[in-house]
Amino acid sequence: MAKDTLSIEVVFNGQDCFVIANGLKIAKRGVEKNWIPLEPGWTVFYDPYDPNDAVKVWYEGARVH
């Protein structure tokens, strides 16, 4: 997955929060800011020390966002 062609969004639908990569829901927000993977190969991590309050995204072990 090339970084330059990847679109990452965090979307809240009124009940649940999802990370979406190129239109595919890859993770759902769990308790205590944990992310539950929805697709194989994807890992999403919330970094509480990031001043931008951003999520980090990996695909098959390589950071893509």
C-alpha atoms as a PDB file:
ATOM      1  CA  MET A   1       0.000   0.000   0.000  1.00  0.00           C
ATOM      2  CA  ALA A   2       1.691   3.192  -1.150  1.00  0.00           C
ATOM      3  CA  LYS A   3       1.455   6.162   1.214  1.00  0.00           C
ATOM      4  CA  ASP A   4       0.890   8.637  -1.606  1.00  0.00           C
ATOM      5  CA  THR A   5      -2.282   6.866  -2.797  1.00  0.00           C
ATOM      6  CA  LEU A   6      -3.748   6.249   0.664  1.00  0.00           C
ATOM      7  CA  SER A   7      -6.613   8.312   2.025  1.00  0.00           C
ATOM      8  CA  ILE A   8      -7.193   7.994   5.806  1.00  0.00           C
ATOM      9  CA  GLU A   9     -10.285   9.372   7.533  1.00  0.00           C
ATOM     10  CA  VAL A  10     -11.641   9.158  11.070  1.00  0.00           C
ATOM     11  CA  VAL A  11     -15.446   9.184  10.902  1.00  0.00           C
ATOM     12  CA  PHE A  12     -18.022   9.368  13.692  1.00  0.00           C
ATOM     13  CA  ASN A  13     -21.519   8.247  12.658  1.00  0.00           C
ATOM     14  CA  GLY A  14     -23.292   9.403  15.820  1.00  0.00           C
ATOM     15  CA  GLN A  15     -22.754   6.107  17.631  1.00  0.00           C
ATOM     16  CA  ASP A  16     -19.420   4.604  16.577  1.00  0.00           C
ATOM     17  CA  CYS A  17     -16.076   5.951  15.415  1.00  0.00           C
ATOM     18  CA  PHE A  18     -14.199   4.318  12.518  1.00  0.00           C
ATOM     19  CA  VAL A  19     -10.893   4.688  10.702  1.00  0.00           C
ATOM     20  CA  ILE A  20     -11.458   4.447   6.966  1.00  0.00           C
ATOM     21  CA  ALA A  21      -8.661   3.809   4.450  1.00  0.00           C
ATOM     22  CA  ASN A  22      -9.566   4.418   0.808  1.00  0.00           C
ATOM     23  CA  GLY A  23     -13.249   3.868   1.614  1.00  0.00           C
ATOM     24  CA  LEU A  24     -12.705   0.640   3.615  1.00  0.00           C
ATOM     25  CA  LYS A  25     -13.527   0.547   7.339  1.00  0.00           C
ATOM     26  CA  ILE A  26     -10.321  -0.809   8.851  1.00  0.00           C
ATOM     27  CA  ALA A  27     -10.870  -0.179  12.573  1.00  0.00           C
ATOM     28  CA  LYS A  28     -13.575   0.659  15.081  1.00  0.00           C
ATOM     29  CA  ARG A  29     -13.043   2.687  18.234  1.00  0.00           C
ATOM     30  CA  GLY A  30     -13.257   0.567  21.375  1.00  0.00           C
ATOM     31  CA  VAL A  31     -13.074   1.534  25.020  1.00  0.00           C
ATOM     32  CA  GLU A  32     -10.329   3.789  26.380  1.00  0.00           C
ATOM     33  CA  LYS A  33      -9.292   4.984  22.913  1.00  0.00           C
ATOM     34  CA  ASN A  34      -8.326   1.478  21.760  1.00  0.00           C
ATOM     35  CA  TRP A  35      -8.940   0.535  18.133  1.00  0.00           C
ATOM     36  CA  ILE A  36     -10.433  -2.818  17.113  1.00  0.00           C
ATOM     37  CA  PRO A  37      -9.180  -3.997  13.707  1.00  0.00           C
ATOM     38  CA  LEU A  38     -11.923  -4.841  11.208  1.00  0.00           C
ATOM     39  CA  GLU A  39      -9.734  -5.944   8.307  1.00  0.00           C
ATOM     40  CA  PRO A  40      -6.711  -8.273   8.265  1.00  0.00           C
ATOM     41  CA  GLY A  41      -3.293  -6.642   7.991  1.00  0.00           C
ATOM     42  CA  TRP A  42      -4.337  -3.280   9.467  1.00  0.00           C
ATOM     43  CA  THR A  43      -3.301  -1.889  12.851  1.00  0.00           C
ATOM     44  CA  VAL A  44      -4.526   1.410  14.272  1.00  0.00           C
ATOM     45  CA  PHE A  45      -3.048   2.993  17.388  1.00  0.00           C
ATOM     46  CA  TYR A  46      -3.975   6.112  19.327  1.00  0.00           C
ATOM     47  CA  ASP A  47      -0.938   8.011  20.614  1.00  0.00           C
ATOM     48  CA  PRO A  48      -1.896  10.002  23.741  1.00  0.00           C
ATOM     49  CA  TYR A  49       1.425  11.881  23.564  1.00  0.00           C
ATOM     50  CA  ASP A  50       0.841  13.187  20.051  1.00  0.00           C
ATOM     51  CA  PRO A  51      -0.036  16.909  20.357  1.00  0.00           C
ATOM     52  CA  ASN A  52      -2.295  16.566  17.288  1.00  0.00           C
ATOM     53  CA  ASP A  53      -4.330  13.815  19.012  1.00  0.00           C
ATOM     54  CA  ALA A  54      -3.778  11.715  15.889  1.00  0.00           C
ATOM     55  CA  VAL A  55      -4.090   8.019  15.197  1.00  0.00           C
ATOM     56  CA  LYS A  56      -1.225   6.028  13.715  1.00  0.00           C
ATOM     57  CA  VAL A  57      -1.992   3.484  10.991  1.00  0.00           C
ATOM     58  CA  TRP A  58       0.054   0.470   9.851  1.00  0.00           C
ATOM     59  CA  TYR A  59      -0.608  -1.939   7.007  1.00  0.00           C
ATOM     60  CA  GLU A  60       1.123  -5.318   7.178  1.00  0.00           C
ATOM     61  CA  GLY A  61       3.699  -3.975   9.632  1.00  0.00           C
ATOM     62  CA  ALA A  62       4.621  -0.778   7.735  1.00  0.00           C
ATOM     63  CA  ARG A  63       3.462   2.595   8.978  1.00  0.00           C
ATOM     64  CA  VAL A  64       1.290   4.278   6.348  1.00  0.00           C
ATOM     65  CA  HIS A  65      -0.128   7.226   8.334  1.00  0.00           C
END
